[in-house]
Amino acid sequence: MHELDAYSQTCAHFKAIELRGKYGFSDEDLRDLEQELLLRLWQQRRHFNPRRGKWSTFCNNVYGNHIRNIIAHRRAACRDYRKCIQIG
């Protein structure tokens, strides 16, 4: 079973940075997004099969799928995220 290595953490960091400024995510959301991606990878790690592919590909697929889910959830909560007013 894979542990969350330096690649997993670095990849999650850069994926979170890519979301910053898009879909209503701000700099303040960066660490939360990173943590959410790492948690999802931790939950899915048992599905990794080294005979089917590399760990880096698995990480990118898990992150990509989860990012799509985050965006879909955010869009569903507020159909026009640009019109959503953030409180706080």
Foldseek 3Di string as FASTA:
>chain_A
DDDCDPLLLVVLQVLLVVCDPHLLHHPVCRVVSSVVLNVQCVVCVVVDDVVVHDPNVVSVVSSVVVVVVVSVVSCVVPVPSVPDDDDD
